Amino acid sequence: MRHKEVLAYPRVALVLQGGGALGSYQAGVIEGLYEVGISPNWVAGISIGALNCALMAGNAPKHRVGKLKEFWETICRPPSLAATAVSTMFDMFGLGAQALRTYTQNQTERVFGSFAATQTMLEGQSGFFTPRPLAPGGGGPGSTSYYDTTPLLATLEKFADFDRINSKEMRVSIGATNLSTGNFVYFDNTEMKLQPKHFLASGALPPGFAAVEIDGEFYWDGGCVSNTPLEQVLNVKPREDTLIFQVDLWSARGKLPTDIFEVLERQKDIQYSSRTRGVTNQVNDLQQLRQLLWDALARIPKNVKVKDPWFDQLAQQVYGARYNCIQLIYKNKPSAGHYKDFEFSHETMSHHWRTGLSDMRRTLENPNCLSLPPPGENFVTYDVHRHQ
């Protein structure tokens, strides 16, 4: 049964960050939404988030979770027999005291995760990317990289119906960086016909992946400028009451690093989190200012406003549409490393997926999280990790 609170919003948006292998967390969140019948009518994504958007918009609602699972099982490595055996041994025998068992299991997962990431670096990922001969090559931005993402074209066409994407049944916005201008751009199915190469462009992170040429311009990963499409959803006009599920794969908050590997991991967390909480706070301040202006306009007598069209113009700019932004931010598991965004093991993918599903379920346990902002407010946020 669809939540009745959701019906109050003309727009229900799903906003997906980039983060490589961490993107299966977003798939778990999506499954959690569909468990309760919440179906977004707008998806916006960058990099791996853009690929998940393609799977969302390119399939009928009843097939979306299934196609997401097929996609992620395709681009990740098959289950490791050794990793499964070790995990089963811990579960069956409960080796050692709990603290020792947890430490040993984390170290074991770190070893297997590091090995899987090394395999990715050497061999690529099936249905996703392969190493370039004589990498990184040269001759132009479309051929200079360590890996070739051509296999992803066929994978996207297999799991996503691009006629359905372009039917505009669901709005799709994906972010990329124009290599010539350095500007952030959006490919949007309300403005153009989206093709698989648009989604490749959104995830063309250098130097691993080469720039993608579209209509004579070359594009890199949107994360080169900003790794979250939240502002695109908040700034679009005309404004309408909007429920936003913002799913981030990088947490700006974290512990101080103690070795070079933790430095590399912390650098990625800060860089690719794109200050989404800071952006949210800025938007909140702007929305409060809009509300004050809207309230001030309401106090001006009608006979004054009708004499000057400037008041109508101002009203259109400050119209107080209401926004409810529900944030879900992936929390690193203890065994994660600096390679977590290219660690495509089946075991870790499943962990990310389960975590996203669990976070979405716990979020929806709050009966008020989906409600429209109360009178006098036009922007509210909810983050289950902040409330626990």
Protein backbone atom coordinates (compact mmCIF):
# COMPACT_ATOMS: atom_id res chain seq x y z
CA MET A 1 0.00 0.00 0.00
CA ARG A 2 1.44 3.33 -1.00
CA HIS A 3 2.01 5.70 1.93
CA LYS A 4 -0.83 8.22 1.93
CA GLU A 5 1.62 10.98 2.96
CA VAL A 6 3.46 10.57 -0.36
CA LEU A 7 0.32 11.38 -2.32
CA ALA A 8 0.49 14.96 -1.00
CA TYR A 9 3.63 15.62 -3.09
CA PRO A 10 3.40 16.37 -6.84
CA ARG A 11 7.11 15.45 -7.05
CA VAL A 12 8.80 12.46 -5.46
CA ALA A 13 12.50 12.51 -6.34
CA LEU A 14 15.26 9.97 -5.83
CA VAL A 15 18.72 11.58 -5.75
CA LEU A 16 21.71 9.24 -6.17
CA GLN A 17 25.40 10.06 -5.63
CA GLY A 18 28.30 8.48 -7.46
CA GLY A 19 30.49 5.93 -5.69
CA GLY A 20 31.34 2.96 -7.90
CA ALA A 21 30.92 -0.38 -6.13
CA LEU A 22 29.17 1.34 -3.21
CA GLY A 23 26.17 1.90 -5.50
CA SER A 24 24.55 -1.37 -4.48
CA TYR A 25 23.62 0.45 -1.24
CA GLN A 26 21.33 2.61 -3.38
CA ALA A 27 19.76 -0.53 -4.86
CA GLY A 28 18.92 -1.69 -1.33
CA VAL A 29 17.29 1.67 -0.59
CA ILE A 30 15.24 1.35 -3.79
CA GLU A 31 14.05 -2.10 -2.73
CA GLY A 32 12.99 -0.62 0.60
CA LEU A 33 10.93 2.03 -1.17
CA TYR A 34 9.18 -0.50 -3.36
CA GLU A 35 8.37 -2.72 -0.38
CA VAL A 36 5.96 -0.01 0.77
CA GLY A 37 4.83 1.06 -2.69
CA ILE A 38 6.70 4.37 -2.96
CA SER A 39 7.55 5.03 -6.60
CA PRO A 40 9.53 8.20 -7.47
CA ASN A 41 8.47 10.17 -10.54
CA TRP A 42 11.92 11.79 -10.87
CA VAL A 43 15.36 10.19 -10.59
CA ALA A 44 18.57 12.21 -10.65
CA GLY A 45 22.00 10.64 -10.48
CA ILE A 46 25.72 10.91 -11.08
CA SER A 47 28.16 8.15 -12.07
CA ILE A 48 27.01 4.82 -10.56
CA GLY A 49 23.93 6.70 -9.37
CA ALA A 50 23.16 7.49 -13.01
CA LEU A 51 23.39 3.80 -13.90
CA ASN A 52 20.92 2.94 -11.14
CA CYS A 53 18.68 5.69 -12.56
CA ALA A 54 18.76 3.96 -15.95
CA LEU A 55 17.61 0.70 -14.35
CA MET A 56 14.84 2.54 -12.50
CA ALA A 57 13.45 4.51 -15.43
CA GLY A 58 14.11 1.79 -17.99
CA ASN A 59 11.86 -0.86 -16.41
CA ALA A 60 8.26 -1.24 -15.33
CA PRO A 61 7.79 -0.81 -11.55
CA LYS A 62 7.24 -4.52 -10.90
CA HIS A 63 10.53 -5.43 -12.63
CA ARG A 64 12.84 -2.70 -11.25
CA VAL A 65 14.24 -4.46 -8.19
CA GLY A 66 14.72 -7.69 -10.13
CA LYS A 67 16.56 -5.93 -12.94
CA LEU A 68 18.73 -4.08 -10.42
CA LYS A 69 19.73 -7.42 -8.89
CA GLU A 70 20.54 -8.88 -12.30
CA PHE A 71 22.60 -5.81 -13.19
CA TRP A 72 24.62 -5.87 -9.98
CA GLU A 73 25.18 -9.62 -10.16
CA THR A 74 26.44 -9.10 -13.73
CA ILE A 75 28.99 -6.37 -12.98
CA CYS A 76 30.22 -7.95 -9.70
CA ARG A 77 32.35 -11.04 -9.33
CA PRO A 78 30.70 -14.40 -8.55
CA PRO A 79 30.65 -15.43 -4.87
CA SER A 80 34.06 -16.47 -3.60
CA LEU A 81 34.14 -20.06 -2.32
CA ALA A 82 36.97 -19.22 0.07
CA ALA A 83 35.19 -16.16 1.50
CA THR A 84 31.96 -18.13 1.89
CA ALA A 85 33.76 -20.96 3.67
CA VAL A 86 35.46 -18.61 6.15
CA SER A 87 32.21 -16.75 6.85
CA THR A 88 30.37 -20.04 7.40
CA MET A 89 33.08 -21.19 9.79
CA PHE A 90 32.69 -18.05 11.91
CA ASP A 91 28.91 -18.44 11.94
CA MET A 92 28.94 -22.16 12.78
CA PHE A 93 31.62 -22.25 15.43
CA GLY A 94 31.63 -18.69 16.78
CA LEU A 95 35.39 -18.84 17.13
CA GLY A 96 36.79 -16.97 20.15
CA ALA A 97 35.30 -14.26 22.29
CA GLN A 98 33.00 -11.78 20.57
CA ALA A 99 35.58 -8.96 20.44
CA LEU A 100 38.27 -11.28 19.07
CA ARG A 101 35.84 -12.85 16.64
CA THR A 102 34.74 -9.45 15.31
CA TYR A 103 38.35 -8.31 14.91
CA THR A 104 39.36 -11.53 13.15
CA GLN A 105 36.34 -11.44 10.85
CA ASN A 106 37.00 -7.79 9.92
CA GLN A 107 40.61 -8.58 9.09
CA THR A 108 39.54 -11.58 7.01
CA GLU A 109 37.02 -9.47 5.10
CA ARG A 110 39.70 -6.84 4.53
CA VAL A 111 42.02 -9.45 3.01
CA PHE A 112 39.34 -10.81 0.66
CA GLY A 113 38.17 -7.28 -0.20
CA SER A 114 41.69 -6.15 -1.03
CA PHE A 115 42.17 -9.21 -3.23
CA ALA A 116 38.89 -8.53 -5.08
CA ALA A 117 39.88 -4.89 -5.65
CA THR A 118 43.27 -6.01 -7.00
CA GLN A 119 41.51 -8.35 -9.41
CA THR A 120 39.38 -5.43 -10.59
CA MET A 121 42.47 -3.31 -11.22
CA LEU A 122 44.16 -6.11 -13.21
CA GLU A 123 41.20 -7.64 -15.04
CA GLY A 124 38.38 -5.08 -15.03
CA GLN A 125 34.76 -6.10 -14.37
CA SER A 126 32.60 -8.29 -16.57
CA GLY A 127 29.95 -6.28 -18.39
CA PHE A 128 31.44 -3.01 -17.15
CA PHE A 129 35.02 -2.23 -18.16
CA THR A 130 38.17 -3.95 -19.39
CA PRO A 131 41.86 -2.93 -19.29
CA ARG A 132 43.12 -1.11 -22.37
CA PRO A 133 46.05 -2.68 -24.19
CA LEU A 134 49.13 -0.49 -23.74
CA ALA A 135 47.18 1.66 -21.25
CA PRO A 136 46.76 4.54 -20.74
CA GLY A 137 47.19 5.10 -24.47
CA GLY A 138 46.78 8.53 -26.01
CA GLY A 139 45.73 10.47 -29.05
CA GLY A 140 42.66 12.17 -27.58
CA PRO A 141 40.39 12.38 -24.54
CA GLY A 142 38.17 9.57 -25.83
CA SER A 143 40.99 7.03 -25.93
CA THR A 144 43.26 8.06 -23.05
CA SER A 145 42.47 6.00 -19.96
CA TYR A 146 43.38 2.78 -18.19
CA TYR A 147 40.09 1.04 -18.94
CA ASP A 148 37.56 0.75 -21.77
CA THR A 149 33.89 1.07 -20.75
CA THR A 150 32.48 -0.18 -24.07
CA PRO A 151 31.12 -3.38 -22.42
CA LEU A 152 28.83 -1.22 -20.28
CA LEU A 153 26.91 -0.07 -23.39
CA ALA A 154 25.67 -3.59 -24.06
CA THR A 155 24.93 -4.17 -20.36
CA LEU A 156 22.78 -1.05 -20.12
CA GLU A 157 20.88 -1.94 -23.30
CA LYS A 158 20.28 -5.43 -21.88
CA PHE A 159 18.82 -4.30 -18.56
CA ALA A 160 17.21 -0.95 -19.42
CA ASP A 161 14.62 -0.10 -22.07
CA PHE A 162 15.69 3.26 -23.49
CA ASP A 163 12.38 3.77 -25.26
CA ARG A 164 10.79 3.61 -21.82
CA ILE A 165 13.39 6.03 -20.43
CA ASN A 166 12.59 8.51 -23.20
CA SER A 167 8.83 8.10 -22.81
CA LYS A 168 9.15 10.58 -19.90
CA GLU A 169 6.99 8.41 -17.67
CA MET A 170 9.70 9.12 -15.11
CA ARG A 171 11.88 12.22 -15.33
CA VAL A 172 15.60 11.39 -15.55
CA SER A 173 18.44 13.86 -14.89
CA ILE A 174 22.07 12.74 -14.95
CA GLY A 175 25.08 14.94 -14.24
CA ALA A 176 28.35 15.15 -16.16
CA THR A 177 31.30 17.54 -16.58
CA ASN A 178 32.01 19.25 -19.91
CA LEU A 179 35.70 18.64 -20.48
CA SER A 180 36.25 21.81 -22.54
CA THR A 181 34.45 24.31 -20.32
CA GLY A 182 34.79 22.59 -16.96
CA ASN A 183 31.10 23.28 -16.38
CA PHE A 184 28.65 20.92 -14.73
CA VAL A 185 25.83 19.88 -17.10
CA TYR A 186 22.71 17.75 -16.90
CA PHE A 187 21.36 15.37 -19.50
CA ASP A 188 17.60 15.35 -18.96
CA ASN A 189 14.97 13.29 -20.79
CA THR A 190 12.58 16.25 -20.70
CA GLU A 191 15.03 18.18 -22.90
CA MET A 192 16.72 15.52 -25.07
CA LYS A 193 16.68 11.88 -26.05
CA LEU A 194 18.87 9.94 -23.64
CA GLN A 195 21.10 7.18 -24.95
CA PRO A 196 23.46 4.74 -23.18
CA LYS A 197 26.44 7.01 -23.90
CA HIS A 198 24.89 9.78 -21.78
CA PHE A 199 25.03 7.44 -18.78
CA LEU A 200 28.60 6.40 -19.64
CA ALA A 201 29.57 10.07 -19.72
CA SER A 202 28.15 10.63 -16.24
CA GLY A 203 30.47 7.89 -14.92
CA ALA A 204 33.60 8.59 -16.99
CA LEU A 205 35.90 9.23 -14.03
CA PRO A 206 39.50 9.95 -15.13
CA PRO A 207 42.09 8.56 -15.39
CA GLY A 208 40.40 5.18 -15.09
CA PHE A 209 37.74 5.89 -17.72
CA ALA A 210 38.04 7.98 -20.87
CA ALA A 211 35.90 10.98 -21.72
CA VAL A 212 32.76 10.25 -23.73
CA GLU A 213 32.00 12.23 -26.88
CA ILE A 214 28.44 13.45 -27.38
CA ASP A 215 27.54 15.80 -30.25
CA GLY A 216 31.16 16.93 -30.65
CA GLU A 217 31.73 17.63 -26.92
CA PHE A 218 33.64 15.45 -24.48
CA TYR A 219 32.38 14.70 -20.98
CA TRP A 220 33.84 13.34 -17.75
CA ASP A 221 32.17 12.08 -14.59
CA GLY A 222 29.90 14.64 -12.93
CA GLY A 223 31.75 13.96 -9.68
CA CYS A 224 34.68 15.97 -11.04
CA VAL A 225 32.62 19.06 -10.13
CA SER A 226 29.91 17.86 -7.75
CA ASN A 227 28.96 14.35 -6.78
CA THR A 228 25.37 15.00 -5.78
CA PRO A 229 22.45 16.13 -7.99
CA LEU A 230 20.45 17.49 -5.05
CA GLU A 231 20.64 21.11 -6.18
CA GLN A 232 19.21 20.19 -9.60
CA VAL A 233 16.02 18.95 -7.96
CA LEU A 234 15.80 21.87 -5.54
CA ASN A 235 16.38 24.60 -8.13
CA VAL A 236 14.11 23.46 -10.95
CA LYS A 237 11.19 25.72 -11.89
CA PRO A 238 8.29 25.86 -11.55
CA ARG A 239 8.62 24.91 -7.90
CA GLU A 240 6.32 22.26 -6.50
CA ASP A 241 5.98 20.49 -3.17
CA THR A 242 8.66 17.80 -3.32
CA LEU A 243 9.61 14.70 -1.32
CA ILE A 244 13.29 13.89 -1.87
CA PHE A 245 15.10 10.67 -1.00
CA GLN A 246 18.78 11.66 -1.07
CA VAL A 247 21.02 8.57 -1.08
CA ASP A 248 24.69 9.35 -0.48
CA LEU A 249 27.55 6.86 -0.72
CA TRP A 250 30.23 8.94 1.00
CA SER A 251 30.11 10.29 4.52
CA ALA A 252 31.87 13.60 5.16
CA ARG A 253 32.16 12.71 8.83
CA GLY A 254 34.86 10.23 9.80
CA LYS A 255 37.73 9.37 12.11
CA LEU A 256 41.21 10.84 11.78
CA PRO A 257 43.45 8.64 9.59
CA THR A 258 46.43 6.86 11.15
CA ASP A 259 48.19 5.43 8.09
CA ILE A 260 48.53 6.18 4.38
CA PHE A 261 45.69 3.83 3.40
CA GLU A 262 43.31 5.55 5.79
CA VAL A 263 44.49 8.89 4.38
CA LEU A 264 43.52 7.73 0.87
CA GLU A 265 40.12 6.54 2.11
CA ARG A 266 39.45 9.73 4.07
CA GLN A 267 40.40 11.86 1.06
CA LYS A 268 37.79 10.10 -1.07
CA ASP A 269 35.14 10.42 1.62
CA ILE A 270 35.61 14.17 1.88
CA GLN A 271 36.03 14.81 -1.84
CA TYR A 272 33.08 12.78 -3.11
CA SER A 273 30.65 13.50 -0.29
CA SER A 274 30.45 16.92 -2.01
CA ARG A 275 29.43 18.58 1.25
CA THR A 276 25.85 17.41 0.81
CA ARG A 277 24.92 18.25 4.39
CA GLY A 278 26.45 21.69 3.92
CA VAL A 279 24.47 22.14 0.71
CA THR A 280 21.32 21.03 2.52
CA ASN A 281 21.93 23.59 5.27
CA GLN A 282 22.43 26.35 2.69
CA VAL A 283 19.21 25.38 0.93
CA ASN A 284 17.43 25.42 4.28
CA ASP A 285 18.62 29.00 4.90
CA LEU A 286 17.50 30.04 1.40
CA GLN A 287 14.11 28.42 1.90
CA GLN A 288 13.64 30.24 5.20
CA LEU A 289 14.39 33.53 3.44
CA ARG A 290 11.83 32.67 0.75
CA GLN A 291 9.28 31.94 3.44
CA LEU A 292 9.91 35.30 5.12
CA LEU A 293 9.50 37.12 1.79
CA TRP A 294 6.34 35.16 1.03
CA ASP A 295 4.91 36.06 4.44
CA ALA A 296 5.87 39.70 3.89
CA LEU A 297 4.09 39.76 0.52
CA ALA A 298 0.98 38.35 2.16
CA ARG A 299 0.88 41.37 4.49
CA ILE A 300 0.78 43.89 1.63
CA PRO A 301 -2.78 45.02 0.83
CA LYS A 302 -4.21 43.65 -2.41
CA ASN A 303 -5.10 47.12 -3.69
CA VAL A 304 -1.40 47.99 -3.53
CA LYS A 305 -0.20 44.82 -5.26
CA VAL A 306 -2.61 45.06 -8.18
CA LYS A 307 -1.20 48.45 -9.15
CA ASP A 308 2.34 47.15 -9.72
CA PRO A 309 3.18 43.94 -11.68
CA TRP A 310 6.50 43.81 -9.83
CA PHE A 311 4.73 42.14 -6.91
CA ASP A 312 3.60 39.28 -9.15
CA GLN A 313 7.12 38.85 -10.49
CA LEU A 314 8.52 38.73 -6.98
CA ALA A 315 5.88 36.24 -5.88
CA GLN A 316 6.87 33.89 -8.70
CA GLN A 317 10.50 34.00 -7.57
CA VAL A 318 9.84 33.34 -3.88
CA TYR A 319 6.85 30.99 -4.17
CA GLY A 320 7.05 28.86 -1.06
CA ALA A 321 6.95 25.30 -2.35
CA ARG A 322 7.60 22.81 0.44
CA TYR A 323 10.48 20.33 0.47
CA ASN A 324 11.02 17.26 2.62
CA CYS A 325 14.53 15.86 2.16
CA ILE A 326 15.10 12.38 3.59
CA GLN A 327 18.82 11.63 3.74
CA LEU A 328 20.34 8.17 3.70
CA ILE A 329 24.13 8.14 3.97
CA TYR A 330 26.09 4.90 3.72
CA LYS A 331 28.21 4.17 6.79
CA ASN A 332 31.46 2.35 6.11
CA LYS A 333 31.76 -1.17 7.43
CA PRO A 334 34.83 -1.68 9.66
CA SER A 335 36.62 -3.79 7.04
CA ALA A 336 36.27 -1.20 4.25
CA GLY A 337 39.44 0.20 2.70
CA HIS A 338 40.52 2.96 0.36
CA TYR A 339 39.58 0.63 -2.53
CA LYS A 340 35.90 0.38 -1.47
CA ASP A 341 34.63 2.12 -4.62
CA PHE A 342 36.22 -0.50 -6.89
CA GLU A 343 35.81 -3.56 -4.68
CA PHE A 344 33.20 -5.45 -6.71
CA SER A 345 33.04 -8.72 -4.78
CA HIS A 346 29.64 -10.41 -4.54
CA GLU A 347 29.93 -10.57 -0.75
CA THR A 348 30.53 -6.84 -0.32
CA MET A 349 27.87 -5.96 -2.89
CA SER A 350 25.36 -8.02 -0.88
CA HIS A 351 26.44 -6.30 2.33
CA HIS A 352 25.92 -2.85 0.80
CA TRP A 353 22.52 -3.90 -0.55
CA ARG A 354 21.36 -5.26 2.83
CA THR A 355 22.56 -2.11 4.57
CA GLY A 356 20.62 0.15 2.20
CA LEU A 357 17.49 -1.93 2.64
CA SER A 358 17.85 -1.88 6.42
CA ASP A 359 18.44 1.90 6.52
CA MET A 360 15.35 2.53 4.38
CA ARG A 361 13.19 0.27 6.55
CA ARG A 362 14.38 1.98 9.74
CA THR A 363 13.77 5.39 8.19
CA LEU A 364 10.19 4.53 7.32
CA GLU A 365 9.54 3.31 10.87
CA ASN A 366 9.24 6.98 11.80
CA PRO A 367 5.57 7.74 11.15
CA ASN A 368 6.25 11.45 10.58
CA CYS A 369 9.26 11.34 8.26
CA LEU A 370 7.15 11.57 5.08
CA SER A 371 4.86 14.38 6.25
CA LEU A 372 4.69 17.76 4.56
CA PRO A 373 6.54 20.52 6.44
CA PRO A 374 4.31 22.11 9.09
CA PRO A 375 2.74 25.56 8.58
CA GLY A 376 5.36 28.30 8.51
CA GLU A 377 8.13 25.94 7.30
CA ASN A 378 8.98 25.02 3.74
CA PHE A 379 12.05 22.80 4.17
CA VAL A 380 12.65 19.87 6.54
CA THR A 381 15.22 17.07 6.61
CA TYR A 382 15.36 13.66 8.23
CA ASP A 383 18.38 11.38 8.65
CA VAL A 384 17.87 8.12 10.55
CA HIS A 385 21.55 8.05 11.58
CA ARG A 386 21.26 11.45 13.23
CA HIS A 387 18.15 10.38 15.16
CA GLN A 388 19.60 7.19 16.60
